[in-house]
Each structure stands twice: as structure tokens, then as C-alpha cells.
Amino acid sequence: MDISKRIAEMKQQPGFNDNVGMILIHNGTVRGWSRKDKEKVVALEVTPDLDKIEAIRQDLLKRDGIYDIVTEANTGRFQPGDDLLYLIVAGDIRENIKPVLAELLDRVKSEAIHKNEIMAE
């Protein structure tokens, strides 16, 4: 995803200027080490459940102050440094936006993403 392009497109949507005071972005990348034990990771296989991600997005769009939510989850085998997951939450004020981005990230990661780390030999 080209984040700048996607935000520029969002700004062209009707009602953006009247409803958005903040945009928060998550850009998840492949780490070069495992969260479990800091062992070196050479690749990561990722399988997102896109239907589940969309269901989570639709649920969170109903929250007060939320204007739009954009998600993109990549599928396949990736190397450290590669982009995996993009989340964009736009809305009125930080008190409404910050908790939604946090919940979106936590739910997508726990409910809709399967990962398999490939370790160095």
C-alpha cells in the first residue's frame, strides 16, 4: 500500500473535512527475531483471514467519531523488513481514534492472522 496515496484518496471523500481531525497508521513489518526467544527469523509465512478482518473493520466503523478504516493484510512468505499489515483509522478526535486503532490491531493479530516463523539453521 502506498500510505500517502491512500490518505490523499481518503481526503477526497465527501465529509472528510468536516469529520476528520486525526489519522493513525499502523505499518507492521517482519522482525528479524522471534518474539518468543529472540531467535533469528529468516522468513515469515503469513495467511490472513480477509473475511474476518473485514468483519472486525465493519464492527469498529460503528464506533463514535470514526470516519473510515482501511486495512490491507499481505499473504505469502516474507523476509525481515517486508511490510505485512497496514491499518489506517481516521476520525474526529484522539480519544476516539487511539483506542479503535489499538483494538483493531489487537483483534486482527489475534483473530485473523496466522503466522509461521522460519528460523535460521
PDB file of N, CA and C in Angstrom:
ATOM      1  N   MET A   1       0.846  -1.173   0.000  1.00  0.00           N
ATOM      2  CA  MET A   1       0.000   0.000   0.000  1.00  0.00           C
ATOM      3  C   MET A   1       0.891   1.234   0.000  1.00  0.00           C
ATOM      4  N   ASP A   2       0.538   2.178  -0.803  1.00  0.00           N
ATOM      5  CA  ASP A   2       1.170   3.493  -0.768  1.00  0.00           C
ATOM      6  C   ASP A   2       0.348   4.328   0.221  1.00  0.00           C
ATOM      7  N   ILE A   3       0.864   4.478   1.440  1.00  0.00           N
ATOM      8  CA  ILE A   3       0.110   5.138   2.509  1.00  0.00           C
ATOM      9  C   ILE A   3      -0.242   6.568   2.138  1.00  0.00           C
ATOM     10  N   SER A   4       0.695   7.309   1.591  1.00  0.00           N
ATOM     11  CA  SER A   4       0.423   8.708   1.222  1.00  0.00           C
ATOM     12  C   SER A   4      -0.683   8.796   0.181  1.00  0.00           C
ATOM     13  N   LYS A   5      -0.648   7.911  -0.803  1.00  0.00           N
ATOM     14  CA  LYS A   5      -1.686   7.903  -1.839  1.00  0.00           C
ATOM     15  C   LYS A   5      -3.049   7.557  -1.247  1.00  0.00           C
ATOM     16  N   ARG A   6      -3.070   6.553  -0.359  1.00  0.00           N
ATOM     17  CA  ARG A   6      -4.345   6.136   0.241  1.00  0.00           C
ATOM     18  C   ARG A   6      -4.953   7.245   1.095  1.00  0.00           C
ATOM     19  N   ILE A   7      -4.114   7.973   1.838  1.00  0.00           N
ATOM     20  CA  ILE A   7      -4.609   9.096   2.640  1.00  0.00           C
ATOM     21  C   ILE A   7      -5.098  10.223   1.734  1.00  0.00           C
ATOM     22  N   ALA A   8      -4.383  10.504   0.646  1.00  0.00           N
ATOM     23  CA  ALA A   8      -4.824  11.531  -0.304  1.00  0.00           C
ATOM     24  C   ALA A   8      -6.185  11.174  -0.884  1.00  0.00           C
ATOM     25  N   GLU A   9      -6.399   9.887  -1.184  1.00  0.00           N
ATOM     26  CA  GLU A   9      -7.706   9.443  -1.682  1.00  0.00           C
ATOM     27  C   GLU A   9      -8.785   9.620  -0.621  1.00  0.00           C
ATOM     28  N   MET A  10      -8.449   9.285   0.615  1.00  0.00           N
ATOM     29  CA  MET A  10      -9.405   9.429   1.710  1.00  0.00           C
ATOM     30  C   MET A  10      -9.823  10.891   1.873  1.00  0.00           C
ATOM     31  N   LYS A  11      -8.877  11.792   1.733  1.00  0.00           N
ATOM     32  CA  LYS A  11      -9.159  13.223   1.890  1.00  0.00           C
ATOM     33  C   LYS A  11     -10.117  13.753   0.824  1.00  0.00           C
ATOM     34  N   GLN A  12     -10.257  13.027  -0.274  1.00  0.00           N
ATOM     35  CA  GLN A  12     -11.170  13.436  -1.349  1.00  0.00           C
ATOM     36  C   GLN A  12     -12.601  12.940  -1.119  1.00  0.00           C
ATOM     37  N   GLN A  13     -12.800  12.077  -0.138  1.00  0.00           N
ATOM     38  CA  GLN A  13     -14.125  11.530   0.124  1.00  0.00           C
ATOM     39  C   GLN A  13     -15.033  12.610   0.720  1.00  0.00           C
ATOM     40  N   PRO A  14     -16.325  12.535   0.386  1.00  0.00           N
ATOM     41  CA  PRO A  14     -17.267  13.503   0.955  1.00  0.00           C
ATOM     42  C   PRO A  14     -17.279  13.433   2.482  1.00  0.00           C
ATOM     43  N   GLY A  15     -17.255  14.586   3.122  1.00  0.00           N
ATOM     44  CA  GLY A  15     -17.347  14.666   4.569  1.00  0.00           C
ATOM     45  C   GLY A  15     -16.023  14.590   5.304  1.00  0.00           C
ATOM     46  N   PHE A  16     -14.940  14.341   4.583  1.00  0.00           N
ATOM     47  CA  PHE A  16     -13.649  14.215   5.262  1.00  0.00           C
ATOM     48  C   PHE A  16     -13.326  15.476   6.069  1.00  0.00           C
ATOM     49  N   ASN A  17     -13.389  16.632   5.432  1.00  0.00           N
ATOM     50  CA  ASN A  17     -13.006  17.878   6.097  1.00  0.00           C
ATOM     51  C   ASN A  17     -13.859  18.190   7.316  1.00  0.00           C
ATOM     52  N   ASP A  18     -15.093  17.757   7.314  1.00  0.00           N
ATOM     53  CA  ASP A  18     -15.999  18.035   8.430  1.00  0.00           C
ATOM     54  C   ASP A  18     -15.900  17.007   9.556  1.00  0.00           C
ATOM     55  N   ASN A  19     -15.274  15.868   9.300  1.00  0.00           N
ATOM     56  CA  ASN A  19     -15.312  14.773  10.265  1.00  0.00           C
ATOM     57  C   ASN A  19     -13.971  14.238  10.739  1.00  0.00           C
ATOM     58  N   VAL A  20     -12.880  14.682  10.136  1.00  0.00           N
ATOM     59  CA  VAL A  20     -11.583  14.083  10.472  1.00  0.00           C
ATOM     60  C   VAL A  20     -10.624  15.130  11.030  1.00  0.00           C
ATOM     61  N   GLY A  21     -10.124  14.811  12.225  1.00  0.00           N
ATOM     62  CA  GLY A  21      -9.101  15.633  12.852  1.00  0.00           C
ATOM     63  C   GLY A  21      -7.840  14.835  13.150  1.00  0.00           C
ATOM     64  N   MET A  22      -7.884  13.526  12.879  1.00  0.00           N
ATOM     65  CA  MET A  22      -6.726  12.678  13.141  1.00  0.00           C
ATOM     66  C   MET A  22      -6.776  11.434  12.271  1.00  0.00           C
ATOM     67  N   ILE A  23      -5.602  11.033  11.799  1.00  0.00           N
ATOM     68  CA  ILE A  23      -5.428   9.765  11.094  1.00  0.00           C
ATOM     69  C   ILE A  23      -4.265   9.048  11.774  1.00  0.00           C
ATOM     70  N   LEU A  24      -4.522   7.818  12.213  1.00  0.00           N
ATOM     71  CA  LEU A  24      -3.464   6.996  12.796  1.00  0.00           C
ATOM     72  C   LEU A  24      -3.191   5.819  11.877  1.00  0.00           C
ATOM     73  N   ILE A  25      -1.911   5.445  11.804  1.00  0.00           N
ATOM     74  CA  ILE A  25      -1.479   4.401  10.876  1.00  0.00           C
ATOM     75  C   ILE A  25      -0.628   3.369  11.604  1.00  0.00           C
ATOM     76  N   HIS A  26      -0.877   2.108  11.283  1.00  0.00           N
ATOM     77  CA  HIS A  26      -0.004   1.014  11.712  1.00  0.00           C
ATOM     78  C   HIS A  26       0.575   0.403  10.441  1.00  0.00           C
ATOM     79  N   ASN A  27       1.895   0.260  10.396  1.00  0.00           N
ATOM     80  CA  ASN A  27       2.570  -0.408   9.291  1.00  0.00           C
ATOM     81  C   ASN A  27       3.416  -1.521   9.900  1.00  0.00           C
ATOM     82  N   GLY A  28       2.855  -2.733   9.920  1.00  0.00           N
ATOM     83  CA  GLY A  28       3.552  -3.871  10.501  1.00  0.00           C
ATOM     84  C   GLY A  28       4.544  -4.471   9.529  1.00  0.00           C
ATOM     85  N   THR A  29       5.739  -4.761  10.030  1.00  0.00           N
ATOM     86  CA  THR A  29       6.794  -5.345   9.209  1.00  0.00           C
ATOM     87  C   THR A  29       7.311  -6.627   9.851  1.00  0.00           C
ATOM     88  N   VAL A  30       8.046  -7.413   9.076  1.00  0.00           N
ATOM     89  CA  VAL A  30       8.641  -8.647   9.583  1.00  0.00           C
ATOM     90  C   VAL A  30       9.872  -8.291  10.419  1.00  0.00           C
ATOM     91  N   ARG A  31       9.874  -8.788  11.663  1.00  0.00           N
ATOM     92  CA  ARG A  31      11.045  -8.646  12.537  1.00  0.00           C
ATOM     93  C   ARG A  31      12.079  -9.696  12.171  1.00  0.00           C
ATOM     94  N   GLY A  32      13.336  -9.408  12.441  1.00  0.00           N
ATOM     95  CA  GLY A  32      14.409 -10.353  12.187  1.00  0.00           C
ATOM     96  C   GLY A  32      14.650 -11.308  13.343  1.00  0.00           C
ATOM     97  N   TRP A  33      13.788 -11.265  14.369  1.00  0.00           N
ATOM     98  CA  TRP A  33      13.925 -12.145  15.528  1.00  0.00           C
ATOM     99  C   TRP A  33      12.553 -12.511  16.056  1.00  0.00           C
ATOM    100  N   SER A  34      12.499 -13.660  16.716  1.00  0.00           N
ATOM    101  CA  SER A  34      11.245 -14.181  17.251  1.00  0.00           C
ATOM    102  C   SER A  34      10.896 -13.499  18.563  1.00  0.00           C
ATOM    103  N   ARG A  35       9.650 -13.179  18.725  1.00  0.00           N
ATOM    104  CA  ARG A  35       9.154 -12.586  19.964  1.00  0.00           C
ATOM    105  C   ARG A  35       9.322 -13.562  21.142  1.00  0.00           C
ATOM    106  N   LYS A  36       9.204 -14.859  20.864  1.00  0.00           N
ATOM    107  CA  LYS A  36       9.274 -15.881  21.920  1.00  0.00           C
ATOM    108  C   LYS A  36      10.624 -15.913  22.614  1.00  0.00           C
ATOM    109  N   ASP A  37      11.695 -16.012  21.799  1.00  0.00           N
ATOM    110  CA  ASP A  37      13.006 -16.271  22.390  1.00  0.00           C
ATOM    111  C   ASP A  37      14.144 -15.478  21.732  1.00  0.00           C
ATOM    112  N   LYS A  38      13.783 -14.517  20.910  1.00  0.00           N
ATOM    113  CA  LYS A  38      14.766 -13.656  20.213  1.00  0.00           C
ATOM    114  C   LYS A  38      15.613 -14.426  19.195  1.00  0.00           C
ATOM    115  N   GLU A  39      15.197 -15.664  18.849  1.00  0.00           N
ATOM    116  CA  GLU A  39      15.918 -16.448  17.847  1.00  0.00           C
ATOM    117  C   GLU A  39      15.793 -15.770  16.482  1.00  0.00           C
ATOM    118  N   LYS A  40      16.827 -15.890  15.659  1.00  0.00           N
ATOM    119  CA  LYS A  40      16.853 -15.239  14.350  1.00  0.00           C
ATOM    120  C   LYS A  40      15.782 -15.814  13.429  1.00  0.00           C
ATOM    121  N   VAL A  41      14.988 -14.926  12.820  1.00  0.00           N
ATOM    122  CA  VAL A  41      13.954 -15.296  11.853  1.00  0.00           C
ATOM    123  C   VAL A  41      14.466 -14.931  10.464  1.00  0.00           C
ATOM    124  N   VAL A  42      14.422 -15.893   9.537  1.00  0.00           N
ATOM    125  CA  VAL A  42      14.868 -15.626   8.172  1.00  0.00           C
ATOM    126  C   VAL A  42      13.701 -15.378   7.232  1.00  0.00           C
ATOM    127  N   ALA A  43      12.510 -15.839   7.618  1.00  0.00           N
ATOM    128  CA  ALA A  43      11.315 -15.612   6.798  1.00  0.00           C
ATOM    129  C   ALA A  43      10.079 -15.794   7.673  1.00  0.00           C
ATOM    130  N   LEU A  44       8.979 -15.282   7.169  1.00  0.00           N
ATOM    131  CA  LEU A  44       7.704 -15.408   7.869  1.00  0.00           C
ATOM    132  C   LEU A  44       6.636 -15.737   6.840  1.00  0.00           C
ATOM    133  N   GLU A  45       5.896 -16.811   7.112  1.00  0.00           N
ATOM    134  CA  GLU A  45       4.766 -17.175   6.252  1.00  0.00           C
ATOM    135  C   GLU A  45       3.499 -16.646   6.922  1.00  0.00           C
ATOM    136  N   VAL A  46       2.696 -15.899   6.166  1.00  0.00           N
ATOM    137  CA  VAL A  46       1.527 -15.234   6.725  1.00  0.00           C
ATOM    138  C   VAL A  46       0.290 -15.581   5.907  1.00  0.00           C
ATOM    139  N   THR A  47      -0.771 -15.945   6.627  1.00  0.00           N
ATOM    140  CA  THR A  47      -2.065 -16.212   5.999  1.00  0.00           C
ATOM    141  C   THR A  47      -3.131 -15.425   6.765  1.00  0.00           C
ATOM    142  N   PRO A  48      -3.607 -14.313   6.188  1.00  0.00           N
ATOM    143  CA  PRO A  48      -4.672 -13.568   6.850  1.00  0.00           C
ATOM    144  C   PRO A  48      -6.048 -14.107   6.453  1.00  0.00           C
ATOM    145  N   ASP A  49      -6.998 -14.004   7.378  1.00  0.00           N
ATOM    146  CA  ASP A  49      -8.398 -14.305   7.096  1.00  0.00           C
ATOM    147  C   ASP A  49      -9.052 -12.973   6.720  1.00  0.00           C
ATOM    148  N   LEU A  50      -9.112 -12.699   5.426  1.00  0.00           N
ATOM    149  CA  LEU A  50      -9.582 -11.402   4.947  1.00  0.00           C
ATOM    150  C   LEU A  50     -11.043 -11.135   5.294  1.00  0.00           C
ATOM    151  N   ASP A  51     -11.862 -12.176   5.307  1.00  0.00           N
ATOM    152  CA  ASP A  51     -13.268 -12.000   5.690  1.00  0.00           C
ATOM    153  C   ASP A  51     -13.376 -11.589   7.156  1.00  0.00           C
ATOM    154  N   LYS A  52     -12.582 -12.203   8.003  1.00  0.00           N
ATOM    155  CA  LYS A  52     -12.600 -11.857   9.428  1.00  0.00           C
ATOM    156  C   LYS A  52     -12.095 -10.438   9.638  1.00  0.00           C
ATOM    157  N   ILE A  53     -11.051 -10.060   8.914  1.00  0.00           N
ATOM    158  CA  ILE A  53     -10.531  -8.690   9.022  1.00  0.00           C
ATOM    159  C   ILE A  53     -11.611  -7.690   8.623  1.00  0.00           C
ATOM    160  N   GLU A  54     -12.331  -7.988   7.562  1.00  0.00           N
ATOM    161  CA  GLU A  54     -13.407  -7.086   7.129  1.00  0.00           C
ATOM    162  C   GLU A  54     -14.526  -7.023   8.166  1.00  0.00           C
ATOM    163  N   ALA A  55     -14.851  -8.137   8.802  1.00  0.00           N
ATOM    164  CA  ALA A  55     -15.880  -8.141   9.846  1.00  0.00           C
ATOM    165  C   ALA A  55     -15.447  -7.278  11.038  1.00  0.00           C
ATOM    166  N   ILE A  56     -14.192  -7.377  11.418  1.00  0.00           N
ATOM    167  CA  ILE A  56     -13.662  -6.540  12.506  1.00  0.00           C
ATOM    168  C   ILE A  56     -13.728  -5.071  12.103  1.00  0.00           C
ATOM    169  N   ARG A  57     -13.331  -4.769  10.879  1.00  0.00           N
ATOM    170  CA  ARG A  57     -13.369  -3.390  10.375  1.00  0.00           C
ATOM    171  C   ARG A  57     -14.788  -2.837  10.430  1.00  0.00           C
ATOM    172  N   GLN A  58     -15.738  -3.612   9.953  1.00  0.00           N
ATOM    173  CA  GLN A  58     -17.135  -3.166   9.956  1.00  0.00           C
ATOM    174  C   GLN A  58     -17.639  -2.920  11.381  1.00  0.00           C
ATOM    175  N   ASP A  59     -17.255  -3.783  12.303  1.00  0.00           N
ATOM    176  CA  ASP A  59     -17.647  -3.615  13.697  1.00  0.00           C
ATOM    177  C   ASP A  59     -17.107  -2.303  14.267  1.00  0.00           C
ATOM    178  N   LEU A  60     -15.838  -2.017  14.025  1.00  0.00           N
ATOM    179  CA  LEU A  60     -15.211  -0.829  14.596  1.00  0.00           C
ATOM    180  C   LEU A  60     -15.626   0.458  13.893  1.00  0.00           C
ATOM    181  N   LEU A  61     -16.078   0.367  12.649  1.00  0.00           N
ATOM    182  CA  LEU A  61     -16.583   1.566  11.950  1.00  0.00           C
ATOM    183  C   LEU A  61     -17.800   2.166  12.646  1.00  0.00           C
ATOM    184  N   LYS A  62     -18.476   1.379  13.469  1.00  0.00           N
ATOM    185  CA  LYS A  62     -19.675   1.846  14.176  1.00  0.00           C
ATOM    186  C   LYS A  62     -19.353   2.696  15.402  1.00  0.00           C
ATOM    187  N   ARG A  63     -18.090   2.766  15.790  1.00  0.00           N
ATOM    188  CA  ARG A  63     -17.704   3.490  16.998  1.00  0.00           C
ATOM    189  C   ARG A  63     -17.843   5.001  16.799  1.00  0.00           C
ATOM    190  N   ASP A  64     -18.123   5.682  17.885  1.00  0.00           N
ATOM    191  CA  ASP A  64     -18.261   7.138  17.847  1.00  0.00           C
ATOM    192  C   ASP A  64     -17.003   7.796  17.302  1.00  0.00           C
ATOM    193  N   GLY A  65     -17.201   8.733  16.400  1.00  0.00           N
ATOM    194  CA  GLY A  65     -16.105   9.537  15.883  1.00  0.00           C
ATOM    195  C   GLY A  65     -15.296   8.912  14.775  1.00  0.00           C
ATOM    196  N   ILE A  66     -15.578   7.677  14.394  1.00  0.00           N
ATOM    197  CA  ILE A  66     -14.777   7.010  13.357  1.00  0.00           C
ATOM    198  C   ILE A  66     -15.352   7.348  11.985  1.00  0.00           C
ATOM    199  N   TYR A  67     -14.487   7.888  11.134  1.00  0.00           N
ATOM    200  CA  TYR A  67     -14.878   8.265   9.779  1.00  0.00           C
ATOM    201  C   TYR A  67     -14.631   7.121   8.794  1.00  0.00           C
ATOM    202  N   ASP A  68     -13.447   6.518   8.868  1.00  0.00           N
ATOM    203  CA  ASP A  68     -13.113   5.432   7.940  1.00  0.00           C
ATOM    204  C   ASP A  68     -11.994   4.587   8.532  1.00  0.00           C
ATOM    205  N   ILE A  69     -11.961   3.335   8.133  1.00  0.00           N
ATOM    206  CA  ILE A  69     -10.899   2.404   8.497  1.00  0.00           C
ATOM    207  C   ILE A  69     -10.476   1.677   7.223  1.00  0.00           C
ATOM    208  N   VAL A  70      -9.178   1.648   6.983  1.00  0.00           N
ATOM    209  CA  VAL A  70      -8.618   0.944   5.829  1.00  0.00           C
ATOM    210  C   VAL A  70      -7.702  -0.153   6.355  1.00  0.00           C
ATOM    211  N   THR A  71      -7.830  -1.350   5.776  1.00  0.00           N
ATOM    212  CA  THR A  71      -6.954  -2.461   6.155  1.00  0.00           C
ATOM    213  C   THR A  71      -6.366  -3.098   4.907  1.00  0.00           C
ATOM    214  N   GLU A  72      -5.141  -3.539   5.026  1.00  0.00           N
ATOM    215  CA  GLU A  72      -4.516  -4.341   3.965  1.00  0.00           C
ATOM    216  C   GLU A  72      -3.567  -5.322   4.636  1.00  0.00           C
ATOM    217  N   ALA A  73      -3.834  -6.605   4.439  1.00  0.00           N
ATOM    218  CA  ALA A  73      -3.003  -7.661   5.016  1.00  0.00           C
ATOM    219  C   ALA A  73      -2.428  -8.493   3.878  1.00  0.00           C
ATOM    220  N   ASN A  74      -1.124  -8.558   3.821  1.00  0.00           N
ATOM    221  CA  ASN A  74      -0.455  -9.302   2.764  1.00  0.00           C
ATOM    222  C   ASN A  74      -0.390 -10.794   3.091  1.00  0.00           C
ATOM    223  N   THR A  75      -0.401 -11.597   2.037  1.00  0.00           N
ATOM    224  CA  THR A  75      -0.361 -13.048   2.140  1.00  0.00           C
ATOM    225  C   THR A  75       0.908 -13.561   1.489  1.00  0.00           C
ATOM    226  N   GLY A  76       1.517 -14.578   2.103  1.00  0.00           N
ATOM    227  CA  GLY A  76       2.664 -15.211   1.462  1.00  0.00           C
ATOM    228  C   GLY A  76       3.850 -15.361   2.390  1.00  0.00           C
ATOM    229  N   ARG A  77       5.017 -15.469   1.771  1.00  0.00           N
ATOM    230  CA  ARG A  77       6.281 -15.632   2.508  1.00  0.00           C
ATOM    231  C   ARG A  77       7.066 -14.336   2.384  1.00  0.00           C
ATOM    232  N   PHE A  78       7.533 -13.834   3.527  1.00  0.00           N
ATOM    233  CA  PHE A  78       8.178 -12.527   3.574  1.00  0.00           C
ATOM    234  C   PHE A  78       9.503 -12.603   4.320  1.00  0.00           C
ATOM    235  N   GLN A  79      10.368 -11.649   4.030  1.00  0.00           N
ATOM    236  CA  GLN A  79      11.681 -11.543   4.655  1.00  0.00           C
ATOM    237  C   GLN A  79      11.652 -10.428   5.700  1.00  0.00           C
ATOM    238  N   PRO A  80      12.589 -10.455   6.666  1.00  0.00           N
ATOM    239  CA  PRO A  80      12.669  -9.353   7.622  1.00  0.00           C
ATOM    240  C   PRO A  80      12.744  -8.004   6.895  1.00  0.00           C
ATOM    241  N   GLY A  81      11.948  -7.078   7.390  1.00  0.00           N
ATOM    242  CA  GLY A  81      11.866  -5.747   6.785  1.00  0.00           C
ATOM    243  C   GLY A  81      10.694  -5.566   5.846  1.00  0.00           C
ATOM    244  N   ASP A  82      10.124  -6.672   5.351  1.00  0.00           N
ATOM    245  CA  ASP A  82       8.977  -6.575   4.437  1.00  0.00           C
ATOM    246  C   ASP A  82       7.733  -6.099   5.179  1.00  0.00           C
ATOM    247  N   ASP A  83       6.894  -5.370   4.468  1.00  0.00           N
ATOM    248  CA  ASP A  83       5.620  -4.900   5.018  1.00  0.00           C
ATOM    249  C   ASP A  83       4.603  -6.031   5.000  1.00  0.00           C
ATOM    250  N   LEU A  84       3.864  -6.162   6.118  1.00  0.00           N
ATOM    251  CA  LEU A  84       2.869  -7.226   6.255  1.00  0.00           C
ATOM    252  C   LEU A  84       1.445  -6.713   6.387  1.00  0.00           C
ATOM    253  N   LEU A  85       1.273  -5.690   7.221  1.00  0.00           N
ATOM    254  CA  LEU A  85      -0.065  -5.275   7.604  1.00  0.00           C
ATOM    255  C   LEU A  85      -0.143  -3.760   7.698  1.00  0.00           C
ATOM    256  N   TYR A  86      -1.132  -3.203   7.006  1.00  0.00           N
ATOM    257  CA  TYR A  86      -1.397  -1.771   7.077  1.00  0.00           C
ATOM    258  C   TYR A  86      -2.783  -1.566   7.674  1.00  0.00           C
ATOM    259  N   LEU A  87      -2.869  -0.673   8.642  1.00  0.00           N
ATOM    260  CA  LEU A  87      -4.143  -0.277   9.225  1.00  0.00           C
ATOM    261  C   LEU A  87      -4.178   1.242   9.285  1.00  0.00           C
ATOM    262  N   ILE A  88      -5.266   1.827   8.807  1.00  0.00           N
ATOM    263  CA  ILE A  88      -5.446   3.275   8.861  1.00  0.00           C
ATOM    264  C   ILE A  88      -6.798   3.538   9.505  1.00  0.00           C
ATOM    265  N   VAL A  89      -6.792   4.368  10.547  1.00  0.00           N
ATOM    266  CA  VAL A  89      -8.031   4.767  11.207  1.00  0.00           C
ATOM    267  C   VAL A  89      -8.111   6.288  11.180  1.00  0.00           C
ATOM    268  N   ALA A  90      -9.214   6.802  10.630  1.00  0.00           N
ATOM    269  CA  ALA A  90      -9.435   8.244  10.548  1.00  0.00           C
ATOM    270  C   ALA A  90     -10.699   8.590  11.312  1.00  0.00           C
ATOM    271  N   GLY A  91     -10.648   9.706  12.026  1.00  0.00           N
ATOM    272  CA  GLY A  91     -11.823  10.129  12.766  1.00  0.00           C
ATOM    273  C   GLY A  91     -11.658  11.496  13.379  1.00  0.00           C
ATOM    274  N   ASP A  92     -12.546  11.792  14.318  1.00  0.00           N
ATOM    275  CA  ASP A  92     -12.648  13.147  14.819  1.00  0.00           C
ATOM    276  C   ASP A  92     -11.557  13.555  15.815  1.00  0.00           C
ATOM    277  N   ILE A  93     -11.449  12.873  16.949  1.00  0.00           N
ATOM    278  CA  ILE A  93     -10.511  13.276  17.994  1.00  0.00           C
ATOM    279  C   ILE A  93      -9.743  12.076  18.524  1.00  0.00           C
ATOM    280  N   ARG A  94      -8.584  12.336  19.105  1.00  0.00           N
ATOM    281  CA  ARG A  94      -7.701  11.247  19.535  1.00  0.00           C
ATOM    282  C   ARG A  94      -8.338  10.321  20.555  1.00  0.00           C
ATOM    283  N   GLU A  95      -9.199  10.849  21.421  1.00  0.00           N
ATOM    284  CA  GLU A  95      -9.835   9.991  22.420  1.00  0.00           C
ATOM    285  C   GLU A  95     -10.710   8.918  21.782  1.00  0.00           C
ATOM    286  N   ASN A  96     -11.198   9.176  20.569  1.00  0.00           N
ATOM    287  CA  ASN A  96     -11.977   8.174  19.836  1.00  0.00           C
ATOM    288  C   ASN A  96     -11.109   7.307  18.934  1.00  0.00           C
ATOM    289  N   ILE A  97     -10.066   7.878  18.382  1.00  0.00           N
ATOM    290  CA  ILE A  97      -9.268   7.186  17.357  1.00  0.00           C
ATOM    291  C   ILE A  97      -8.253   6.221  17.961  1.00  0.00           C
ATOM    292  N   LYS A  98      -7.525   6.642  18.974  1.00  0.00           N
ATOM    293  CA  LYS A  98      -6.462   5.803  19.550  1.00  0.00           C
ATOM    294  C   LYS A  98      -6.967   4.443  20.030  1.00  0.00           C
ATOM    295  N   PRO A  99      -8.061   4.393  20.802  1.00  0.00           N
ATOM    296  CA  PRO A  99      -8.499   3.063  21.246  1.00  0.00           C
ATOM    297  C   PRO A  99      -8.987   2.176  20.106  1.00  0.00           C
ATOM    298  N   VAL A 100      -9.532   2.770  19.057  1.00  0.00           N
ATOM    299  CA  VAL A 100     -10.001   1.963  17.927  1.00  0.00           C
ATOM    300  C   VAL A 100      -8.824   1.367  17.174  1.00  0.00           C
ATOM    301  N   LEU A 101      -7.767   2.138  16.948  1.00  0.00           N
ATOM    302  CA  LEU A 101      -6.591   1.570  16.287  1.00  0.00           C
ATOM    303  C   LEU A 101      -6.001   0.446  17.144  1.00  0.00           C
ATOM    304  N   ALA A 102      -5.910   0.663  18.447  1.00  0.00           N
ATOM    305  CA  ALA A 102      -5.359  -0.370  19.327  1.00  0.00           C
ATOM    306  C   ALA A 102      -6.205  -1.641  19.278  1.00  0.00           C
ATOM    307  N   GLU A 103      -7.527  -1.509  19.346  1.00  0.00           N
ATOM    308  CA  GLU A 103      -8.396  -2.685  19.304  1.00  0.00           C
ATOM    309  C   GLU A 103      -8.346  -3.358  17.938  1.00  0.00           C
ATOM    310  N   LEU A 104      -8.345  -2.567  16.880  1.00  0.00           N
ATOM    311  CA  LEU A 104      -8.245  -3.111  15.525  1.00  0.00           C
ATOM    312  C   LEU A 104      -6.979  -3.953  15.387  1.00  0.00           C
ATOM    313  N   LEU A 105      -5.856  -3.403  15.796  1.00  0.00           N
ATOM    314  CA  LEU A 105      -4.586  -4.120  15.700  1.00  0.00           C
ATOM    315  C   LEU A 105      -4.607  -5.399  16.526  1.00  0.00           C
ATOM    316  N   ASP A 106      -5.036  -5.292  17.770  1.00  0.00           N
ATOM    317  CA  ASP A 106      -5.051  -6.467  18.640  1.00  0.00           C
ATOM    318  C   ASP A 106      -5.981  -7.551  18.112  1.00  0.00           C
ATOM    319  N   ARG A 107      -7.153  -7.168  17.648  1.00  0.00           N
ATOM    320  CA  ARG A 107      -8.110  -8.158  17.159  1.00  0.00           C
ATOM    321  C   ARG A 107      -7.650  -8.794  15.853  1.00  0.00           C
ATOM    322  N   VAL A 108      -7.153  -7.985  14.929  1.00  0.00           N
ATOM    323  CA  VAL A 108      -6.675  -8.546  13.655  1.00  0.00           C
ATOM    324  C   VAL A 108      -5.549  -9.536  13.925  1.00  0.00           C
ATOM    325  N   LYS A 109      -4.590  -9.149  14.758  1.00  0.00           N
ATOM    326  CA  LYS A 109      -3.453 -10.022  15.040  1.00  0.00           C
ATOM    327  C   LYS A 109      -3.880 -11.306  15.759  1.00  0.00           C
ATOM    328  N   SER A 110      -4.837 -11.219  16.681  1.00  0.00           N
ATOM    329  CA  SER A 110      -5.212 -12.403  17.454  1.00  0.00           C
ATOM    330  C   SER A 110      -6.297 -13.248  16.796  1.00  0.00           C
ATOM    331  N   GLU A 111      -7.173 -12.631  15.999  1.00  0.00           N
ATOM    332  CA  GLU A 111      -8.316 -13.346  15.446  1.00  0.00           C
ATOM    333  C   GLU A 111      -8.205 -13.684  13.959  1.00  0.00           C
ATOM    334  N   ALA A 112      -7.338 -12.970  13.222  1.00  0.00           N
ATOM    335  CA  ALA A 112      -7.425 -13.081  11.762  1.00  0.00           C
ATOM    336  C   ALA A 112      -6.096 -13.285  11.038  1.00  0.00           C
ATOM    337  N   ILE A 113      -5.004 -13.435  11.763  1.00  0.00           N
ATOM    338  CA  ILE A 113      -3.702 -13.614  11.110  1.00  0.00           C
ATOM    339  C   ILE A 113      -3.041 -14.886  11.643  1.00  0.00           C
ATOM    340  N   HIS A 114      -2.635 -15.758  10.723  1.00  0.00           N
ATOM    341  CA  HIS A 114      -1.845 -16.938  11.096  1.00  0.00           C
ATOM    342  C   HIS A 114      -0.445 -16.738  10.550  1.00  0.00           C
ATOM    343  N   LYS A 115       0.560 -16.897  11.437  1.00  0.00           N
ATOM    344  CA  LYS A 115       1.944 -16.707  11.045  1.00  0.00           C
ATOM    345  C   LYS A 115       2.770 -17.932  11.389  1.00  0.00           C
ATOM    346  N   ASN A 116       3.754 -18.211  10.546  1.00  0.00           N
ATOM    347  CA  ASN A 116       4.708 -19.281  10.798  1.00  0.00           C
ATOM    348  C   ASN A 116       6.111 -18.729  10.579  1.00  0.00           C
ATOM    349  N   GLU A 117       6.880 -18.661  11.667  1.00  0.00           N
ATOM    350  CA  GLU A 117       8.244 -18.151  11.564  1.00  0.00           C
ATOM    351  C   GLU A 117       9.176 -19.243  11.041  1.00  0.00           C
ATOM    352  N   ILE A 118      10.055 -18.861  10.124  1.00  0.00           N
ATOM    353  CA  ILE A 118      11.084 -19.740   9.600  1.00  0.00           C
ATOM    354  C   ILE A 118      12.388 -19.271  10.249  1.00  0.00           C
ATOM    355  N   MET A 119      12.999 -20.162  11.043  1.00  0.00           N
ATOM    356  CA  MET A 119      14.177 -19.788  11.818  1.00  0.00           C
ATOM    357  C   MET A 119      15.470 -20.111  11.076  1.00  0.00           C
ATOM    358  N   ALA A 120      16.522 -19.390  11.451  1.00  0.00           N
ATOM    359  CA  ALA A 120      17.851 -19.665  10.904  1.00  0.00           C
ATOM    360  C   ALA A 120      18.302 -21.040  11.377  1.00  0.00           C
ATOM    361  N   GLU A 121      19.042 -21.720  10.548  1.00  0.00           N
ATOM    362  CA  GLU A 121      19.546 -23.058  10.930  1.00  0.00           C
ATOM    363  C   GLU A 121      20.912 -22.965  11.545  1.00  0.00           C
TER     364      GLU A 121
END
